[in-house]
Amino acid sequence: MTMKYFDLSNEEKKILDEFERGEWVEIKETKQEKRHFQRYASNTLNKLKNINIRLSLRDLQRIRAQALESGLPYQTLLSALIHQYAEKKIKLEL
């Protein structure tokens, strides 16, 4: 069996190195975590209005990366953040 080699980005190389050193740990409470994110998703699925928003490419890339880490689509993550702000659960510092 031949092994395929891929060019990894610096971030991917860092993650691979951390994994190989055993720095990544299994999440024991996966059911609780899953319920946590399902709650966020269900709060955002009641769409009443679609909007268009302009973001810098840098901000969008960072949001997508954070959403990926959270296991959520980035639009769901943005919607959850807006919902939390609207419900005064989080504050915006300007």
PDB file of N, CA and C in Angstrom:
ATOM      1  N   MET A   1       0.848  -1.187   0.000  1.00  0.00           N
ATOM      2  CA  MET A   1       0.000   0.000   0.000  1.00  0.00           C
ATOM      3  C   MET A   1       0.884   1.238   0.000  1.00  0.00           C
ATOM      4  N   THR A   2       0.631   2.130  -0.913  1.00  0.00           N
ATOM      5  CA  THR A   2       1.441   3.340  -0.983  1.00  0.00           C
ATOM      6  C   THR A   2       0.787   4.444  -0.179  1.00  0.00           C
ATOM      7  N   MET A   3       1.628   5.246   0.421  1.00  0.00           N
ATOM      8  CA  MET A   3       1.159   6.358   1.244  1.00  0.00           C
ATOM      9  C   MET A   3       1.131   7.613   0.379  1.00  0.00           C
ATOM     10  N   LYS A   4       0.063   8.361   0.455  1.00  0.00           N
ATOM     11  CA  LYS A   4      -0.034   9.620  -0.279  1.00  0.00           C
ATOM     12  C   LYS A   4       0.498  10.739   0.602  1.00  0.00           C
ATOM     13  N   TYR A   5       1.265  11.620   0.000  1.00  0.00           N
ATOM     14  CA  TYR A   5       1.803  12.753   0.735  1.00  0.00           C
ATOM     15  C   TYR A   5       1.150  14.031   0.218  1.00  0.00           C
ATOM     16  N   PHE A   6       0.839  14.898   1.137  1.00  0.00           N
ATOM     17  CA  PHE A   6       0.189  16.149   0.806  1.00  0.00           C
ATOM     18  C   PHE A   6       1.011  17.291   1.373  1.00  0.00           C
ATOM     19  N   ASP A   7       0.981  18.409   0.694  1.00  0.00           N
ATOM     20  CA  ASP A   7       1.603  19.614   1.236  1.00  0.00           C
ATOM     21  C   ASP A   7       0.683  20.162   2.309  1.00  0.00           C
ATOM     22  N   LEU A   8       1.207  20.328   3.504  1.00  0.00           N
ATOM     23  CA  LEU A   8       0.416  20.843   4.612  1.00  0.00           C
ATOM     24  C   LEU A   8       0.740  22.309   4.833  1.00  0.00           C
ATOM     25  N   SER A   9      -0.282  23.055   5.233  1.00  0.00           N
ATOM     26  CA  SER A   9      -0.049  24.450   5.605  1.00  0.00           C
ATOM     27  C   SER A   9       0.697  24.460   6.939  1.00  0.00           C
ATOM     28  N   ASN A  10       1.210  25.609   7.313  1.00  0.00           N
ATOM     29  CA  ASN A  10       1.906  25.717   8.603  1.00  0.00           C
ATOM     30  C   ASN A  10       0.987  25.346   9.757  1.00  0.00           C
ATOM     31  N   GLU A  11      -0.269  25.780   9.682  1.00  0.00           N
ATOM     32  CA  GLU A  11      -1.244  25.464  10.729  1.00  0.00           C
ATOM     33  C   GLU A  11      -1.487  23.961  10.799  1.00  0.00           C
ATOM     34  N   GLU A  12      -1.627  23.320   9.639  1.00  0.00           N
ATOM     35  CA  GLU A  12      -1.846  21.873   9.606  1.00  0.00           C
ATOM     36  C   GLU A  12      -0.628  21.116  10.138  1.00  0.00           C
ATOM     37  N   LYS A  13       0.570  21.600   9.819  1.00  0.00           N
ATOM     38  CA  LYS A  13       1.796  20.974  10.343  1.00  0.00           C
ATOM     39  C   LYS A  13       1.846  21.087  11.858  1.00  0.00           C
ATOM     40  N   LYS A  14       1.465  22.249  12.366  1.00  0.00           N
ATOM     41  CA  LYS A  14       1.446  22.464  13.820  1.00  0.00           C
ATOM     42  C   LYS A  14       0.476  21.489  14.488  1.00  0.00           C
ATOM     43  N   ILE A  15      -0.711  21.349  13.921  1.00  0.00           N
ATOM     44  CA  ILE A  15      -1.712  20.432  14.483  1.00  0.00           C
ATOM     45  C   ILE A  15      -1.201  18.998  14.440  1.00  0.00           C
ATOM     46  N   LEU A  16      -0.601  18.600  13.326  1.00  0.00           N
ATOM     47  CA  LEU A  16      -0.063  17.249  13.204  1.00  0.00           C
ATOM     48  C   LEU A  16       1.027  17.004  14.238  1.00  0.00           C
ATOM     49  N   ASP A  17       1.924  17.958  14.415  1.00  0.00           N
ATOM     50  CA  ASP A  17       2.986  17.826  15.423  1.00  0.00           C
ATOM     51  C   ASP A  17       2.402  17.687  16.826  1.00  0.00           C
ATOM     52  N   GLU A  18       1.407  18.519  17.148  1.00  0.00           N
ATOM     53  CA  GLU A  18       0.762  18.451  18.463  1.00  0.00           C
ATOM     54  C   GLU A  18       0.094  17.098  18.669  1.00  0.00           C
ATOM     55  N   PHE A  19      -0.558  16.598  17.625  1.00  0.00           N
ATOM     56  CA  PHE A  19      -1.229  15.302  17.705  1.00  0.00           C
ATOM     57  C   PHE A  19      -0.217  14.189  17.951  1.00  0.00           C
ATOM     58  N   GLU A  20       0.871  14.225  17.202  1.00  0.00           N
ATOM     59  CA  GLU A  20       1.883  13.181  17.336  1.00  0.00           C
ATOM     60  C   GLU A  20       2.581  13.223  18.691  1.00  0.00           C
ATOM     61  N   ARG A  21       2.644  14.389  19.329  1.00  0.00           N
ATOM     62  CA  ARG A  21       3.226  14.499  20.673  1.00  0.00           C
ATOM     63  C   ARG A  21       2.210  14.138  21.755  1.00  0.00           C
ATOM     64  N   GLY A  22       0.973  13.850  21.361  1.00  0.00           N
ATOM     65  CA  GLY A  22      -0.051  13.457  22.333  1.00  0.00           C
ATOM     66  C   GLY A  22      -0.686  14.613  23.062  1.00  0.00           C
ATOM     67  N   GLU A  23      -0.628  15.810  22.476  1.00  0.00           N
ATOM     68  CA  GLU A  23      -1.195  16.991  23.131  1.00  0.00           C
ATOM     69  C   GLU A  23      -2.702  17.106  22.955  1.00  0.00           C
ATOM     70  N   TRP A  24      -3.260  16.354  22.042  1.00  0.00           N
ATOM     71  CA  TRP A  24      -4.711  16.393  21.817  1.00  0.00           C
ATOM     72  C   TRP A  24      -5.350  15.328  22.692  1.00  0.00           C
ATOM     73  N   VAL A  25      -6.433  15.672  23.345  1.00  0.00           N
ATOM     74  CA  VAL A  25      -7.109  14.731  24.234  1.00  0.00           C
ATOM     75  C   VAL A  25      -8.554  14.533  23.780  1.00  0.00           C
ATOM     76  N   GLU A  26      -9.070  13.373  24.093  1.00  0.00           N
ATOM     77  CA  GLU A  26     -10.447  13.047  23.748  1.00  0.00           C
ATOM     78  C   GLU A  26     -11.395  13.791  24.679  1.00  0.00           C
ATOM     79  N   ILE A  27     -12.487  14.276  24.123  1.00  0.00           N
ATOM     80  CA  ILE A  27     -13.520  14.927  24.929  1.00  0.00           C
ATOM     81  C   ILE A  27     -14.427  13.835  25.474  1.00  0.00           C
ATOM     82  N   LYS A  28     -14.489  13.736  26.784  1.00  0.00           N
ATOM     83  CA  LYS A  28     -15.277  12.669  27.418  1.00  0.00           C
ATOM     84  C   LYS A  28     -16.771  12.961  27.387  1.00  0.00           C
ATOM     85  N   GLU A  29     -17.128  14.221  27.464  1.00  0.00           N
ATOM     86  CA  GLU A  29     -18.531  14.617  27.547  1.00  0.00           C
ATOM     87  C   GLU A  29     -19.084  14.972  26.178  1.00  0.00           C
ATOM     88  N   THR A  30     -18.920  14.079  25.199  1.00  0.00           N
ATOM     89  CA  THR A  30     -19.343  14.408  23.845  1.00  0.00           C
ATOM     90  C   THR A  30     -20.854  14.595  23.747  1.00  0.00           C
ATOM     91  N   LYS A  31     -21.622  13.820  24.499  1.00  0.00           N
ATOM     92  CA  LYS A  31     -23.079  13.981  24.449  1.00  0.00           C
ATOM     93  C   LYS A  31     -23.488  15.355  24.965  1.00  0.00           C
ATOM     94  N   GLN A  32     -22.857  15.781  26.046  1.00  0.00           N
ATOM     95  CA  GLN A  32     -23.169  17.099  26.605  1.00  0.00           C
ATOM     96  C   GLN A  32     -22.751  18.197  25.630  1.00  0.00           C
ATOM     97  N   GLU A  33     -21.570  18.062  25.038  1.00  0.00           N
ATOM     98  CA  GLU A  33     -21.107  19.040  24.060  1.00  0.00           C
ATOM     99  C   GLU A  33     -22.045  19.086  22.859  1.00  0.00           C
ATOM    100  N   LYS A  34     -22.473  17.922  22.400  1.00  0.00           N
ATOM    101  CA  LYS A  34     -23.368  17.847  21.245  1.00  0.00           C
ATOM    102  C   LYS A  34     -24.685  18.565  21.552  1.00  0.00           C
ATOM    103  N   ARG A  35     -25.249  18.313  22.731  1.00  0.00           N
ATOM    104  CA  ARG A  35     -26.493  18.999  23.120  1.00  0.00           C
ATOM    105  C   ARG A  35     -26.290  20.506  23.178  1.00  0.00           C
ATOM    106  N   HIS A  36     -25.130  20.916  23.676  1.00  0.00           N
ATOM    107  CA  HIS A  36     -24.805  22.341  23.777  1.00  0.00           C
ATOM    108  C   HIS A  36     -24.874  23.006  22.400  1.00  0.00           C
ATOM    109  N   PHE A  37     -24.237  22.398  21.399  1.00  0.00           N
ATOM    110  CA  PHE A  37     -24.212  22.988  20.071  1.00  0.00           C
ATOM    111  C   PHE A  37     -25.537  22.790  19.339  1.00  0.00           C
ATOM    112  N   GLN A  38     -26.265  21.724  19.647  1.00  0.00           N
ATOM    113  CA  GLN A  38     -27.585  21.547  19.055  1.00  0.00           C
ATOM    114  C   GLN A  38     -28.526  22.648  19.529  1.00  0.00           C
ATOM    115  N   ARG A  39     -28.373  23.051  20.793  1.00  0.00           N
ATOM    116  CA  ARG A  39     -29.194  24.140  21.325  1.00  0.00           C
ATOM    117  C   ARG A  39     -28.915  25.436  20.568  1.00  0.00           C
ATOM    118  N   TYR A  40     -27.626  25.718  20.331  1.00  0.00           N
ATOM    119  CA  TYR A  40     -27.280  26.899  19.546  1.00  0.00           C
ATOM    120  C   TYR A  40     -27.875  26.817  18.142  1.00  0.00           C
ATOM    121  N   ALA A  41     -27.743  25.650  17.530  1.00  0.00           N
ATOM    122  CA  ALA A  41     -28.248  25.487  16.162  1.00  0.00           C
ATOM    123  C   ALA A  41     -29.759  25.650  16.122  1.00  0.00           C
ATOM    124  N   SER A  42     -30.465  25.053  17.084  1.00  0.00           N
ATOM    125  CA  SER A  42     -31.928  25.140  17.064  1.00  0.00           C
ATOM    126  C   SER A  42     -32.395  26.576  17.279  1.00  0.00           C
ATOM    127  N   ASN A  43     -31.618  27.358  18.035  1.00  0.00           N
ATOM    128  CA  ASN A  43     -31.973  28.766  18.230  1.00  0.00           C
ATOM    129  C   ASN A  43     -31.820  29.576  16.961  1.00  0.00           C
ATOM    130  N   THR A  44     -30.994  29.103  16.060  1.00  0.00           N
ATOM    131  CA  THR A  44     -30.747  29.865  14.852  1.00  0.00           C
ATOM    132  C   THR A  44     -31.519  29.343  13.650  1.00  0.00           C
ATOM    133  N   LEU A  45     -32.175  28.201  13.782  1.00  0.00           N
ATOM    134  CA  LEU A  45     -32.880  27.629  12.649  1.00  0.00           C
ATOM    135  C   LEU A  45     -34.233  28.279  12.388  1.00  0.00           C
ATOM    136  N   ASN A  46     -34.729  29.055  13.317  1.00  0.00           N
ATOM    137  CA  ASN A  46     -36.013  29.726  13.145  1.00  0.00           C
ATOM    138  C   ASN A  46     -35.808  31.012  12.349  1.00  0.00           C
ATOM    139  N   LYS A  47     -35.387  30.861  11.114  1.00  0.00           N
ATOM    140  CA  LYS A  47     -35.081  32.031  10.288  1.00  0.00           C
ATOM    141  C   LYS A  47     -36.365  32.739   9.875  1.00  0.00           C
ATOM    142  N   LEU A  48     -36.375  34.019  10.127  1.00  0.00           N
ATOM    143  CA  LEU A  48     -37.499  34.827   9.697  1.00  0.00           C
ATOM    144  C   LEU A  48     -37.108  35.741   8.544  1.00  0.00           C
ATOM    145  N   LYS A  49     -35.832  36.091   8.482  1.00  0.00           N
ATOM    146  CA  LYS A  49     -35.396  37.050   7.483  1.00  0.00           C
ATOM    147  C   LYS A  49     -33.947  36.768   7.112  1.00  0.00           C
ATOM    148  N   ASN A  50     -33.666  36.691   5.827  1.00  0.00           N
ATOM    149  CA  ASN A  50     -32.293  36.598   5.352  1.00  0.00           C
ATOM    150  C   ASN A  50     -31.732  37.995   5.210  1.00  0.00           C
ATOM    151  N   ILE A  51     -30.449  38.164   5.530  1.00  0.00           N
ATOM    152  CA  ILE A  51     -29.798  39.459   5.376  1.00  0.00           C
ATOM    153  C   ILE A  51     -28.483  39.272   4.623  1.00  0.00           C
ATOM    154  N   ASN A  52     -28.003  40.350   4.056  1.00  0.00           N
ATOM    155  CA  ASN A  52     -26.674  40.376   3.454  1.00  0.00           C
ATOM    156  C   ASN A  52     -25.792  41.231   4.343  1.00  0.00           C
ATOM    157  N   ILE A  53     -24.568  40.820   4.518  1.00  0.00           N
ATOM    158  CA  ILE A  53     -23.637  41.563   5.364  1.00  0.00           C
ATOM    159  C   ILE A  53     -22.265  41.550   4.701  1.00  0.00           C
ATOM    160  N   ARG A  54     -21.593  42.659   4.778  1.00  0.00           N
ATOM    161  CA  ARG A  54     -20.236  42.755   4.223  1.00  0.00           C
ATOM    162  C   ARG A  54     -19.246  42.609   5.364  1.00  0.00           C
ATOM    163  N   LEU A  55     -18.311  41.669   5.194  1.00  0.00           N
ATOM    164  CA  LEU A  55     -17.256  41.433   6.174  1.00  0.00           C
ATOM    165  C   LEU A  55     -15.915  41.490   5.469  1.00  0.00           C
ATOM    166  N   SER A  56     -14.904  41.842   6.213  1.00  0.00           N
ATOM    167  CA  SER A  56     -13.566  41.769   5.631  1.00  0.00           C
ATOM    168  C   SER A  56     -13.229  40.290   5.417  1.00  0.00           C
ATOM    169  N   LEU A  57     -12.414  40.029   4.425  1.00  0.00           N
ATOM    170  CA  LEU A  57     -12.016  38.652   4.134  1.00  0.00           C
ATOM    171  C   LEU A  57     -11.319  38.039   5.341  1.00  0.00           C
ATOM    172  N   ARG A  58     -10.497  38.829   6.007  1.00  0.00           N
ATOM    173  CA  ARG A  58      -9.778  38.338   7.188  1.00  0.00           C
ATOM    174  C   ARG A  58     -10.740  37.915   8.296  1.00  0.00           C
ATOM    175  N   ASP A  59     -11.742  38.761   8.577  1.00  0.00           N
ATOM    176  CA  ASP A  59     -12.726  38.416   9.604  1.00  0.00           C
ATOM    177  C   ASP A  59     -13.494  37.157   9.218  1.00  0.00           C
ATOM    178  N   LEU A  60     -13.899  37.064   7.961  1.00  0.00           N
ATOM    179  CA  LEU A  60     -14.648  35.893   7.510  1.00  0.00           C
ATOM    180  C   LEU A  60     -13.808  34.624   7.645  1.00  0.00           C
ATOM    181  N   GLN A  61     -12.546  34.691   7.301  1.00  0.00           N
ATOM    182  CA  GLN A  61     -11.679  33.517   7.430  1.00  0.00           C
ATOM    183  C   GLN A  61     -11.540  33.101   8.882  1.00  0.00           C
ATOM    184  N   ARG A  62     -11.389  34.061   9.766  1.00  0.00           N
ATOM    185  CA  ARG A  62     -11.275  33.743  11.195  1.00  0.00           C
ATOM    186  C   ARG A  62     -12.572  33.157  11.743  1.00  0.00           C
ATOM    187  N   ILE A  63     -13.697  33.713  11.317  1.00  0.00           N
ATOM    188  CA  ILE A  63     -14.996  33.198  11.766  1.00  0.00           C
ATOM    189  C   ILE A  63     -15.191  31.775  11.273  1.00  0.00           C
ATOM    190  N   ARG A  64     -14.857  31.520  10.026  1.00  0.00           N
ATOM    191  CA  ARG A  64     -14.987  30.168   9.481  1.00  0.00           C
ATOM    192  C   ARG A  64     -14.095  29.186  10.237  1.00  0.00           C
ATOM    193  N   ALA A  65     -12.891  29.608  10.594  1.00  0.00           N
ATOM    194  CA  ALA A  65     -11.980  28.734  11.341  1.00  0.00           C
ATOM    195  C   ALA A  65     -12.540  28.426  12.724  1.00  0.00           C
ATOM    196  N   GLN A  66     -13.079  29.443  13.385  1.00  0.00           N
ATOM    197  CA  GLN A  66     -13.654  29.220  14.716  1.00  0.00           C
ATOM    198  C   GLN A  66     -14.900  28.358  14.639  1.00  0.00           C
ATOM    199  N   ALA A  67     -15.691  28.550  13.601  1.00  0.00           N
ATOM    200  CA  ALA A  67     -16.883  27.720  13.426  1.00  0.00           C
ATOM    201  C   ALA A  67     -16.477  26.275  13.195  1.00  0.00           C
ATOM    202  N   LEU A  68     -15.448  26.051  12.416  1.00  0.00           N
ATOM    203  CA  LEU A  68     -14.958  24.706  12.159  1.00  0.00           C
ATOM    204  C   LEU A  68     -14.507  24.049  13.453  1.00  0.00           C
ATOM    205  N   GLU A  69     -13.803  24.797  14.291  1.00  0.00           N
ATOM    206  CA  GLU A  69     -13.367  24.272  15.592  1.00  0.00           C
ATOM    207  C   GLU A  69     -14.560  23.916  16.476  1.00  0.00           C
ATOM    208  N   SER A  70     -15.636  24.667  16.327  1.00  0.00           N
ATOM    209  CA  SER A  70     -16.837  24.429  17.138  1.00  0.00           C
ATOM    210  C   SER A  70     -17.747  23.370  16.542  1.00  0.00           C
ATOM    211  N   GLY A  71     -17.479  22.975  15.319  1.00  0.00           N
ATOM    212  CA  GLY A  71     -18.325  21.977  14.669  1.00  0.00           C
ATOM    213  C   GLY A  71     -19.629  22.548  14.142  1.00  0.00           C
ATOM    214  N   LEU A  72     -19.631  23.821  13.857  1.00  0.00           N
ATOM    215  CA  LEU A  72     -20.840  24.486  13.374  1.00  0.00           C
ATOM    216  C   LEU A  72     -20.588  25.110  12.010  1.00  0.00           C
ATOM    217  N   PRO A  73     -21.619  25.218  11.186  1.00  0.00           N
ATOM    218  CA  PRO A  73     -21.476  26.039   9.979  1.00  0.00           C
ATOM    219  C   PRO A  73     -21.248  27.494  10.407  1.00  0.00           C
ATOM    220  N   TYR A  74     -20.441  28.225   9.644  1.00  0.00           N
ATOM    221  CA  TYR A  74     -20.099  29.583  10.068  1.00  0.00           C
ATOM    222  C   TYR A  74     -21.322  30.493  10.127  1.00  0.00           C
ATOM    223  N   GLN A  75     -22.301  30.275   9.255  1.00  0.00           N
ATOM    224  CA  GLN A  75     -23.495  31.116   9.299  1.00  0.00           C
ATOM    225  C   GLN A  75     -24.299  30.849  10.570  1.00  0.00           C
ATOM    226  N   THR A  76     -24.307  29.617  11.026  1.00  0.00           N
ATOM    227  CA  THR A  76     -24.986  29.279  12.278  1.00  0.00           C
ATOM    228  C   THR A  76     -24.275  29.934  13.444  1.00  0.00           C
ATOM    229  N   LEU A  77     -22.940  29.918  13.418  1.00  0.00           N
ATOM    230  CA  LEU A  77     -22.174  30.571  14.471  1.00  0.00           C
ATOM    231  C   LEU A  77     -22.471  32.069  14.510  1.00  0.00           C
ATOM    232  N   LEU A  78     -22.462  32.718  13.345  1.00  0.00           N
ATOM    233  CA  LEU A  78     -22.775  34.148  13.301  1.00  0.00           C
ATOM    234  C   LEU A  78     -24.184  34.429  13.796  1.00  0.00           C
ATOM    235  N   SER A  79     -25.115  33.603  13.389  1.00  0.00           N
ATOM    236  CA  SER A  79     -26.493  33.787  13.824  1.00  0.00           C
ATOM    237  C   SER A  79     -26.618  33.626  15.338  1.00  0.00           C
ATOM    238  N   ALA A  80     -25.903  32.646  15.903  1.00  0.00           N
ATOM    239  CA  ALA A  80     -25.938  32.440  17.351  1.00  0.00           C
ATOM    240  C   ALA A  80     -25.350  33.640  18.086  1.00  0.00           C
ATOM    241  N   LEU A  81     -24.260  34.193  17.547  1.00  0.00           N
ATOM    242  CA  LEU A  81     -23.663  35.374  18.172  1.00  0.00           C
ATOM    243  C   LEU A  81     -24.622  36.559  18.142  1.00  0.00           C
ATOM    244  N   ILE A  82     -25.259  36.781  17.015  1.00  0.00           N
ATOM    245  CA  ILE A  82     -26.220  37.883  16.895  1.00  0.00           C
ATOM    246  C   ILE A  82     -27.398  37.661  17.836  1.00  0.00           C
ATOM    247  N   HIS A  83     -27.870  36.423  17.912  1.00  0.00           N
ATOM    248  CA  HIS A  83     -28.986  36.105  18.807  1.00  0.00           C
ATOM    249  C   HIS A  83     -28.604  36.382  20.261  1.00  0.00           C
ATOM    250  N   GLN A  84     -27.408  35.954  20.663  1.00  0.00           N
ATOM    251  CA  GLN A  84     -26.970  36.189  22.040  1.00  0.00           C
ATOM    252  C   GLN A  84     -26.841  37.681  22.329  1.00  0.00           C
ATOM    253  N   TYR A  85     -26.358  38.435  21.363  1.00  0.00           N
ATOM    254  CA  TYR A  85     -26.260  39.881  21.542  1.00  0.00           C
ATOM    255  C   TYR A  85     -27.655  40.502  21.658  1.00  0.00           C
ATOM    256  N   ALA A  86     -28.569  40.068  20.804  1.00  0.00           N
ATOM    257  CA  ALA A  86     -29.933  40.595  20.835  1.00  0.00           C
ATOM    258  C   ALA A  86     -30.618  40.283  22.160  1.00  0.00           C
ATOM    259  N   GLU A  87     -30.291  39.145  22.745  1.00  0.00           N
ATOM    260  CA  GLU A  87     -30.877  38.750  24.033  1.00  0.00           C
ATOM    261  C   GLU A  87     -30.096  39.302  25.222  1.00  0.00           C
ATOM    262  N   LYS A  88     -29.096  40.157  24.933  1.00  0.00           N
ATOM    263  CA  LYS A  88     -28.263  40.792  25.949  1.00  0.00           C
ATOM    264  C   LYS A  88     -27.498  39.764  26.800  1.00  0.00           C
ATOM    265  N   LYS A  89     -27.155  38.638  26.177  1.00  0.00           N
ATOM    266  CA  LYS A  89     -26.358  37.629  26.870  1.00  0.00           C
ATOM    267  C   LYS A  89     -24.869  37.901  26.715  1.00  0.00           C
ATOM    268  N   ILE A  90     -24.513  38.657  25.682  1.00  0.00           N
ATOM    269  CA  ILE A  90     -23.132  39.084  25.492  1.00  0.00           C
ATOM    270  C   ILE A  90     -23.126  40.571  25.196  1.00  0.00           C
ATOM    271  N   LYS A  91     -22.007  41.222  25.511  1.00  0.00           N
ATOM    272  CA  LYS A  91     -21.876  42.661  25.293  1.00  0.00           C
ATOM    273  C   LYS A  91     -20.812  42.907  24.241  1.00  0.00           C
ATOM    274  N   LEU A  92     -20.980  43.945  23.502  1.00  0.00           N
ATOM    275  CA  LEU A  92     -20.035  44.352  22.481  1.00  0.00           C
ATOM    276  C   LEU A  92     -19.206  45.506  23.013  1.00  0.00           C
ATOM    277  N   GLU A  93     -17.889  45.364  22.922  1.00  0.00           N
ATOM    278  CA  GLU A  93     -17.010  46.453  23.347  1.00  0.00           C
ATOM    279  C   GLU A  93     -16.488  47.158  22.095  1.00  0.00           C
ATOM    280  N   LEU A  94     -16.723  48.453  22.019  1.00  0.00           N
ATOM    281  CA  LEU A  94     -16.272  49.253  20.873  1.00  0.00           C
ATOM    282  C   LEU A  94     -15.112  50.143  21.259  1.00  0.00           C
TER     283      LEU A  94
END
